[in-house]
PDB file of N, CA and C in Angstrom:
ATOM      1  N   GLU A   1       1.778   8.794   2.603  1.00  0.00           N
ATOM      2  CA  GLU A   1       1.058   9.516   1.857  1.00  0.00           C
ATOM      3  C   GLU A   1       1.808  10.349   0.579  1.00  0.00           C
ATOM      4  N   ASP A   2       3.158  10.050   0.644  1.00  0.00           N
ATOM      5  CA  ASP A   2       4.128  10.744  -0.616  1.00  0.00           C
ATOM      6  C   ASP A   2       3.865   9.810  -1.613  1.00  0.00           C
ATOM      7  N   LEU A   3       3.811   8.880  -1.584  1.00  0.00           N
ATOM      8  CA  LEU A   3       3.633   7.679  -2.329  1.00  0.00           C
ATOM      9  C   LEU A   3       2.149   7.734  -3.085  1.00  0.00           C
ATOM     10  N   THR A   4       1.258   8.110  -2.109  1.00  0.00           N
ATOM     11  CA  THR A   4      -0.033   8.528  -3.169  1.00  0.00           C
ATOM     12  C   THR A   4      -0.288   9.595  -3.532  1.00  0.00           C
ATOM     13  N   ALA A   5       0.634   9.973  -3.463  1.00  0.00           N
ATOM     14  CA  ALA A   5       0.615  11.280  -3.886  1.00  0.00           C
ATOM     15  C   ALA A   5       1.329  11.036  -5.395  1.00  0.00           C
ATOM     16  N   THR A   6       2.185  10.674  -5.413  1.00  0.00           N
ATOM     17  CA  THR A   6       3.021  10.162  -6.929  1.00  0.00           C
ATOM     18  C   THR A   6       2.265   9.714  -7.553  1.00  0.00           C
ATOM     19  N   LEU A   7       1.266   8.698  -7.112  1.00  0.00           N
ATOM     20  CA  LEU A   7       0.957   7.520  -7.628  1.00  0.00           C
ATOM     21  C   LEU A   7      -0.574   8.147  -8.682  1.00  0.00           C
ATOM     22  N   THR A   8      -1.232   9.620  -7.721  1.00  0.00           N
ATOM     23  CA  THR A   8      -2.179   9.951  -8.145  1.00  0.00           C
ATOM     24  C   THR A   8      -1.756  10.672  -9.475  1.00  0.00           C
ATOM     25  N   ARG A   9      -0.276  10.873  -9.541  1.00  0.00           N
ATOM     26  CA  ARG A   9      -0.029  11.822 -10.724  1.00  0.00           C
ATOM     27  C   ARG A   9      -0.128  10.789 -12.126  1.00  0.00           C
ATOM     28  N   LEU A  10       0.226   9.421 -11.935  1.00  0.00           N
ATOM     29  CA  LEU A  10      -0.072   8.631 -12.619  1.00  0.00           C
ATOM     30  C   LEU A  10      -1.530   8.593 -14.040  1.00  0.00           C
ATOM     31  N   ARG A  11      -1.507   9.339 -14.760  1.00  0.00           N
ATOM     32  CA  ARG A  11      -2.742   8.539 -15.690  1.00  0.00           C
ATOM     33  C   ARG A  11      -3.228   7.426 -15.994  1.00  0.00           C
ATOM     34  N   THR A  12      -2.296   6.235 -15.871  1.00  0.00           N
ATOM     35  CA  THR A  12      -2.880   4.841 -16.016  1.00  0.00           C
ATOM     36  C   THR A  12      -3.615   4.778 -15.265  1.00  0.00           C
ATOM     37  N   ILE A  13      -3.313   4.545 -13.835  1.00  0.00           N
ATOM     38  CA  ILE A  13      -3.803   3.961 -12.622  1.00  0.00           C
ATOM     39  C   ILE A  13      -4.935   5.175 -12.090  1.00  0.00           C
ATOM     40  N   GLY A  14      -6.072   4.364 -11.151  1.00  0.00           N
ATOM     41  CA  GLY A  14      -6.551   5.147 -10.647  1.00  0.00           C
ATOM     42  C   GLY A  14      -6.362   4.956  -8.752  1.00  0.00           C
ATOM     43  N   VAL A  15      -6.234   5.734  -8.309  1.00  0.00           N
ATOM     44  CA  VAL A  15      -5.865   6.008  -7.025  1.00  0.00           C
ATOM     45  C   VAL A  15      -7.143   6.053  -5.525  1.00  0.00           C
ATOM     46  N   VAL A  16      -7.169   4.660  -4.541  1.00  0.00           N
ATOM     47  CA  VAL A  16      -8.467   5.754  -3.860  1.00  0.00           C
ATOM     48  C   VAL A  16      -8.042   6.482  -2.893  1.00  0.00           C
ATOM     49  N   ALA A  17      -8.406   7.462  -2.496  1.00  0.00           N
ATOM     50  CA  ALA A  17      -8.352   8.427  -1.505  1.00  0.00           C
ATOM     51  C   ALA A  17      -7.588   8.031  -0.544  1.00  0.00           C
ATOM     52  N   ALA A  18      -6.642   8.148   0.332  1.00  0.00           N
ATOM     53  CA  ALA A  18      -6.213   7.757   1.501  1.00  0.00           C
ATOM     54  C   ALA A  18      -7.376   7.426   2.691  1.00  0.00           C
ATOM     55  N   GLY A  19      -8.557   8.495   2.696  1.00  0.00           N
ATOM     56  CA  GLY A  19      -9.347   8.297   3.807  1.00  0.00           C
ATOM     57  C   GLY A  19     -10.627   7.350   3.462  1.00  0.00           C
ATOM     58  N   SER A  20     -10.626   6.895   2.128  1.00  0.00           N
ATOM     59  CA  SER A  20     -11.220   5.616   2.109  1.00  0.00           C
ATOM     60  C   SER A  20     -10.240   4.520   2.421  1.00  0.00           C
ATOM     61  N   ALA A  21      -8.911   4.654   2.227  1.00  0.00           N
ATOM     62  CA  ALA A  21      -8.390   3.551   2.267  1.00  0.00           C
ATOM     63  C   ALA A  21      -8.512   3.135   3.794  1.00  0.00           C
ATOM     64  N   ALA A  22      -7.740   4.284   4.844  1.00  0.00           N
ATOM     65  CA  ALA A  22      -7.680   4.309   5.863  1.00  0.00           C
ATOM     66  C   ALA A  22      -8.198   2.817   6.657  1.00  0.00           C
ATOM     67  N   LYS A  23      -9.672   2.880   6.267  1.00  0.00           N
ATOM     68  CA  LYS A  23     -10.621   2.502   7.414  1.00  0.00           C
ATOM     69  C   LYS A  23     -10.475   0.799   7.036  1.00  0.00           C
ATOM     70  N   PHE A  24      -9.454   0.226   6.199  1.00  0.00           N
ATOM     71  CA  PHE A  24      -9.188  -0.902   6.136  1.00  0.00           C
ATOM     72  C   PHE A  24      -7.732  -1.910   6.748  1.00  0.00           C
ATOM     73  N   LYS A  25      -7.445   0.038   7.271  1.00  0.00           N
ATOM     74  CA  LYS A  25      -5.849  -0.104   8.311  1.00  0.00           C
ATOM     75  C   LYS A  25      -5.957  -1.593   9.618  1.00  0.00           C
ATOM     76  N   GLY A  26      -5.263  -2.534   9.433  1.00  0.00           N
ATOM     77  CA  GLY A  26      -5.016  -3.541  10.814  1.00  0.00           C
ATOM     78  C   GLY A  26      -6.511  -4.665  10.234  1.00  0.00           C
ATOM     79  N   SER A  27      -7.193  -4.252   9.147  1.00  0.00           N
ATOM     80  CA  SER A  27      -8.216  -5.281   8.951  1.00  0.00           C
ATOM     81  C   SER A  27      -7.833  -6.354   8.807  1.00  0.00           C
ATOM     82  N   ASN A  28      -8.694  -8.164   8.637  1.00  0.00           N
ATOM     83  CA  ASN A  28      -8.387  -9.119   8.736  1.00  0.00           C
ATOM     84  C   ASN A  28      -9.140  -9.297   7.316  1.00  0.00           C
ATOM     85  N   GLU A  29      -9.181  -8.322   6.907  1.00  0.00           N
ATOM     86  CA  GLU A  29      -9.981  -8.937   5.487  1.00  0.00           C
ATOM     87  C   GLU A  29      -9.123  -9.192   4.403  1.00  0.00           C
ATOM     88  N   SER A  30      -9.802 -10.089   3.691  1.00  0.00           N
ATOM     89  CA  SER A  30      -9.081 -10.336   2.282  1.00  0.00           C
ATOM     90  C   SER A  30      -8.231  -9.224   1.041  1.00  0.00           C
ATOM     91  N   PRO A  31      -6.941  -9.701   0.634  1.00  0.00           N
ATOM     92  CA  PRO A  31      -7.152  -8.215  -0.704  1.00  0.00           C
ATOM     93  C   PRO A  31      -8.585  -8.238  -1.322  1.00  0.00           C
ATOM     94  N   GLN A  32      -9.027  -9.384  -1.787  1.00  0.00           N
ATOM     95  CA  GLN A  32     -10.020  -9.599  -3.013  1.00  0.00           C
ATOM     96  C   GLN A  32     -11.351  -8.769  -2.239  1.00  0.00           C
ATOM     97  N   ILE A  33     -11.771  -9.297  -0.922  1.00  0.00           N
ATOM     98  CA  ILE A  33     -12.945  -8.437  -0.290  1.00  0.00           C
ATOM     99  C   ILE A  33     -12.481  -7.104  -0.202  1.00  0.00           C
ATOM    100  N   ILE A  34     -11.082  -6.522  -0.070  1.00  0.00           N
ATOM    101  CA  ILE A  34     -10.975  -4.774   0.130  1.00  0.00           C
ATOM    102  C   ILE A  34     -10.780  -4.177  -1.383  1.00  0.00           C
ATOM    103  N   GLY A  35     -10.340  -4.929  -1.724  1.00  0.00           N
ATOM    104  CA  GLY A  35     -10.708  -4.444  -3.227  1.00  0.00           C
ATOM    105  C   GLY A  35     -11.844  -4.650  -4.375  1.00  0.00           C
ATOM    106  N   GLN A  36     -13.047  -5.628  -3.361  1.00  0.00           N
ATOM    107  CA  GLN A  36     -13.867  -5.049  -4.064  1.00  0.00           C
ATOM    108  C   GLN A  36     -14.663  -4.232  -3.868  1.00  0.00           C
ATOM    109  N   ARG A  37     -14.658  -3.739  -2.311  1.00  0.00           N
ATOM    110  CA  ARG A  37     -15.255  -2.935  -1.734  1.00  0.00           C
ATOM    111  C   ARG A  37     -14.280  -1.338  -1.731  1.00  0.00           C
ATOM    112  N   LEU A  38     -12.936  -1.076  -2.202  1.00  0.00           N
ATOM    113  CA  LEU A  38     -12.437  -0.117  -2.615  1.00  0.00           C
ATOM    114  C   LEU A  38     -12.849   0.200  -4.313  1.00  0.00           C
ATOM    115  N   GLY A  39     -13.101  -0.707  -4.893  1.00  0.00           N
ATOM    116  CA  GLY A  39     -13.354  -0.750  -6.357  1.00  0.00           C
ATOM    117  C   GLY A  39     -11.890  -0.618  -7.095  1.00  0.00           C
ATOM    118  N   ALA A  40     -10.959  -1.400  -6.659  1.00  0.00           N
ATOM    119  CA  ALA A  40      -9.538  -1.553  -6.758  1.00  0.00           C
ATOM    120  C   ALA A  40      -9.075  -2.095  -7.205  1.00  0.00           C
ATOM    121  N   SER A  41      -8.102  -2.452  -8.301  1.00  0.00           N
ATOM    122  CA  SER A  41      -7.759  -3.775  -8.813  1.00  0.00           C
ATOM    123  C   SER A  41      -6.250  -4.270  -7.898  1.00  0.00           C
ATOM    124  N   PHE A  42      -5.760  -3.467  -7.521  1.00  0.00           N
ATOM    125  CA  PHE A  42      -4.419  -3.486  -6.601  1.00  0.00           C
ATOM    126  C   PHE A  42      -4.218  -3.036  -5.429  1.00  0.00           C
ATOM    127  N   LEU A  43      -3.512  -3.510  -4.513  1.00  0.00           N
ATOM    128  CA  LEU A  43      -3.411  -2.807  -3.405  1.00  0.00           C
ATOM    129  C   LEU A  43      -2.083  -2.630  -2.855  1.00  0.00           C
ATOM    130  N   LEU A  44      -1.938  -1.616  -2.291  1.00  0.00           N
ATOM    131  CA  LEU A  44      -0.212  -1.239  -1.910  1.00  0.00           C
ATOM    132  C   LEU A  44      -0.476  -1.250  -0.406  1.00  0.00           C
ATOM    133  N   THR A  45       0.690  -2.418  -0.162  1.00  0.00           N
ATOM    134  CA  THR A  45       0.084  -3.071   1.960  1.00  0.00           C
ATOM    135  C   THR A  45       1.747  -2.403   1.674  1.00  0.00           C
ATOM    136  N   GLY A  46       2.016  -2.097   3.861  1.00  0.00           N
ATOM    137  CA  GLY A  46       3.228  -2.154   3.700  1.00  0.00           C
ATOM    138  C   GLY A  46       3.215  -1.845   5.615  1.00  0.00           C
ATOM    139  N   THR A  47       4.916  -2.021   5.824  1.00  0.00           N
ATOM    140  CA  THR A  47       5.413  -1.743   7.168  1.00  0.00           C
ATOM    141  C   THR A  47       6.602  -0.713   7.301  1.00  0.00           C
ATOM    142  N   MET A  48       5.817  -0.113   8.086  1.00  0.00           N
ATOM    143  CA  MET A  48       6.990   0.554   8.629  1.00  0.00           C
ATOM    144  C   MET A  48       7.458   0.508  10.123  1.00  0.00           C
ATOM    145  N   ARG A  49       8.932   0.523  10.181  1.00  0.00           N
ATOM    146  CA  ARG A  49       9.870   0.308  11.169  1.00  0.00           C
ATOM    147  C   ARG A  49      10.759   1.443  11.535  1.00  0.00           C
ATOM    148  N   ARG A  50      10.634   2.509  12.520  1.00  0.00           N
ATOM    149  CA  ARG A  50      11.360   3.301  12.897  1.00  0.00           C
ATOM    150  C   ARG A  50      12.163   3.656  14.419  1.00  0.00           C
ATOM    151  N   SER A  51      13.446   3.421  14.477  1.00  0.00           N
ATOM    152  CA  SER A  51      14.028   3.962  15.342  1.00  0.00           C
ATOM    153  C   SER A  51      14.535   5.535  15.423  1.00  0.00           C
ATOM    154  N   PRO A  52      15.639   5.926  16.275  1.00  0.00           N
ATOM    155  CA  PRO A  52      16.157   7.001  16.505  1.00  0.00           C
ATOM    156  C   PRO A  52      16.964   6.857  15.376  1.00  0.00           C
ATOM    157  N   GLU A  53      18.124   5.291  15.029  1.00  0.00           N
ATOM    158  CA  GLU A  53      18.973   5.483  13.927  1.00  0.00           C
ATOM    159  C   GLU A  53      18.618   5.006  12.929  1.00  0.00           C
ATOM    160  N   ASN A  54      17.360   4.073  12.286  1.00  0.00           N
ATOM    161  CA  ASN A  54      16.822   3.202  11.530  1.00  0.00           C
ATOM    162  C   ASN A  54      15.979   3.419  10.945  1.00  0.00           C
ATOM    163  N   ILE A  55      15.725   3.340   9.879  1.00  0.00           N
ATOM    164  CA  ILE A  55      13.937   2.991   9.807  1.00  0.00           C
ATOM    165  C   ILE A  55      13.952   2.344   8.173  1.00  0.00           C
ATOM    166  N   ALA A  56      12.924   1.320   8.167  1.00  0.00           N
ATOM    167  CA  ALA A  56      12.638  -0.004   7.530  1.00  0.00           C
ATOM    168  C   ALA A  56      11.225  -0.179   6.878  1.00  0.00           C
ATOM    169  N   LEU A  57      11.872   0.159   5.733  1.00  0.00           N
ATOM    170  CA  LEU A  57       9.927  -0.212   4.893  1.00  0.00           C
ATOM    171  C   LEU A  57      10.155  -1.446   4.208  1.00  0.00           C
ATOM    172  N   SER A  58       8.595  -1.878   4.289  1.00  0.00           N
ATOM    173  CA  SER A  58       8.421  -3.422   3.485  1.00  0.00           C
ATOM    174  C   SER A  58       7.304  -2.898   2.656  1.00  0.00           C
ATOM    175  N   VAL A  59       7.381  -3.092   1.906  1.00  0.00           N
ATOM    176  CA  VAL A  59       5.924  -2.748   0.777  1.00  0.00           C
ATOM    177  C   VAL A  59       5.924  -3.743  -0.236  1.00  0.00           C
ATOM    178  N   GLN A  60       4.046  -4.541  -0.260  1.00  0.00           N
ATOM    179  CA  GLN A  60       4.028  -5.326  -1.384  1.00  0.00           C
ATOM    180  C   GLN A  60       2.856  -4.475  -2.166  1.00  0.00           C
ATOM    181  N   LEU A  61       2.807  -4.870  -3.365  1.00  0.00           N
ATOM    182  CA  LEU A  61       2.004  -4.798  -4.513  1.00  0.00           C
ATOM    183  C   LEU A  61       0.970  -6.326  -4.611  1.00  0.00           C
ATOM    184  N   VAL A  62      -0.144  -5.981  -4.392  1.00  0.00           N
ATOM    185  CA  VAL A  62      -0.751  -7.109  -4.542  1.00  0.00           C
ATOM    186  C   VAL A  62      -2.270  -7.114  -5.416  1.00  0.00           C
ATOM    187  N   ASP A  63      -2.137  -7.815  -6.410  1.00  0.00           N
ATOM    188  CA  ASP A  63      -3.463  -8.394  -7.344  1.00  0.00           C
ATOM    189  C   ASP A  63      -4.829  -8.157  -6.389  1.00  0.00           C
ATOM    190  N   THR A  64      -5.531  -7.513  -6.921  1.00  0.00           N
ATOM    191  CA  THR A  64      -6.726  -8.105  -5.833  1.00  0.00           C
ATOM    192  C   THR A  64      -7.822  -9.462  -6.418  1.00  0.00           C
ATOM    193  N   SER A  65      -7.894  -9.159  -7.828  1.00  0.00           N
ATOM    194  CA  SER A  65      -8.581 -10.483  -8.315  1.00  0.00           C
ATOM    195  C   SER A  65      -7.949 -11.731  -7.882  1.00  0.00           C
ATOM    196  N   THR A  66      -6.698 -12.203  -7.532  1.00  0.00           N
ATOM    197  CA  THR A  66      -6.389 -13.291  -7.327  1.00  0.00           C
ATOM    198  C   THR A  66      -5.764 -13.236  -5.531  1.00  0.00           C
ATOM    199  N   GLY A  67      -5.264 -12.165  -4.957  1.00  0.00           N
ATOM    200  CA  GLY A  67      -4.851 -11.965  -3.918  1.00  0.00           C
ATOM    201  C   GLY A  67      -3.170 -12.805  -3.807  1.00  0.00           C
ATOM    202  N   ALA A  68      -2.351 -12.665  -4.938  1.00  0.00           N
ATOM    203  CA  ALA A  68      -1.207 -12.660  -5.136  1.00  0.00           C
ATOM    204  C   ALA A  68      -0.541 -11.391  -5.052  1.00  0.00           C
ATOM    205  N   GLN A  69       0.697 -11.771  -4.400  1.00  0.00           N
ATOM    206  CA  GLN A  69       1.860 -10.357  -4.400  1.00  0.00           C
ATOM    207  C   GLN A  69       2.396 -10.178  -5.830  1.00  0.00           C
ATOM    208  N   ILE A  70       2.463  -9.094  -6.034  1.00  0.00           N
ATOM    209  CA  ILE A  70       3.086  -8.924  -8.011  1.00  0.00           C
ATOM    210  C   ILE A  70       4.540  -8.533  -7.493  1.00  0.00           C
ATOM    211  N   TRP A  71       4.877  -7.354  -6.896  1.00  0.00           N
ATOM    212  CA  TRP A  71       5.526  -6.727  -6.273  1.00  0.00           C
ATOM    213  C   TRP A  71       5.752  -6.686  -4.617  1.00  0.00           C
ATOM    214  N   SER A  72       6.840  -6.802  -4.808  1.00  0.00           N
ATOM    215  CA  SER A  72       7.917  -5.870  -2.909  1.00  0.00           C
ATOM    216  C   SER A  72       8.901  -5.361  -3.709  1.00  0.00           C
ATOM    217  N   GLY A  73       9.103  -4.563  -2.132  1.00  0.00           N
ATOM    218  CA  GLY A  73       9.855  -4.083  -2.399  1.00  0.00           C
ATOM    219  C   GLY A  73      10.441  -4.161  -0.719  1.00  0.00           C
ATOM    220  N   LYS A  74      11.618  -3.464  -0.333  1.00  0.00           N
ATOM    221  CA  LYS A  74      12.589  -3.277   1.319  1.00  0.00           C
ATOM    222  C   LYS A  74      13.707  -1.622   1.123  1.00  0.00           C
ATOM    223  N   TYR A  75      13.419  -0.817   2.210  1.00  0.00           N
ATOM    224  CA  TYR A  75      14.591   0.189   1.835  1.00  0.00           C
ATOM    225  C   TYR A  75      14.464  -0.005   3.579  1.00  0.00           C
ATOM    226  N   ASP A  76      15.776  -0.002   4.083  1.00  0.00           N
ATOM    227  CA  ASP A  76      16.717   0.266   5.386  1.00  0.00           C
ATOM    228  C   ASP A  76      17.131   1.503   4.986  1.00  0.00           C
ATOM    229  N   GLY A  77      17.233   2.802   5.815  1.00  0.00           N
ATOM    230  CA  GLY A  77      18.248   3.953   6.246  1.00  0.00           C
ATOM    231  C   GLY A  77      18.137   4.367   7.176  1.00  0.00           C
ATOM    232  N   VAL A  78      18.867   5.663   7.053  1.00  0.00           N
ATOM    233  CA  VAL A  78      18.750   6.874   8.345  1.00  0.00           C
ATOM    234  C   VAL A  78      17.805   7.316   7.950  1.00  0.00           C
ATOM    235  N   PRO A  79      17.211   7.797   9.381  1.00  0.00           N
ATOM    236  CA  PRO A  79      15.479   8.884   9.166  1.00  0.00           C
ATOM    237  C   PRO A  79      16.572  10.333   8.955  1.00  0.00           C
ATOM    238  N   GLU A  80      15.825  10.914   8.160  1.00  0.00           N
ATOM    239  CA  GLU A  80      16.353  12.615   7.920  1.00  0.00           C
ATOM    240  C   GLU A  80      15.531  13.076   8.975  1.00  0.00           C
TER     241      GLU A  80
END
């Protein structure tokens, strides 16, 4: 949610509301199909694993026209 809020401040990209994107959570649809249904050129996907001692995030940016991953990042740290 914080990342979505930050991205909406960028005037050069459009961000789909979290509620619209949430219906695809856990979906087996391809990035191309999801992008078409949302009218999105890119998808930001990811996972989070959390324990009392650690939090691990993995995020990928996918081009919906090709399905190709164009960026990824990981974060491992201690929860606040």
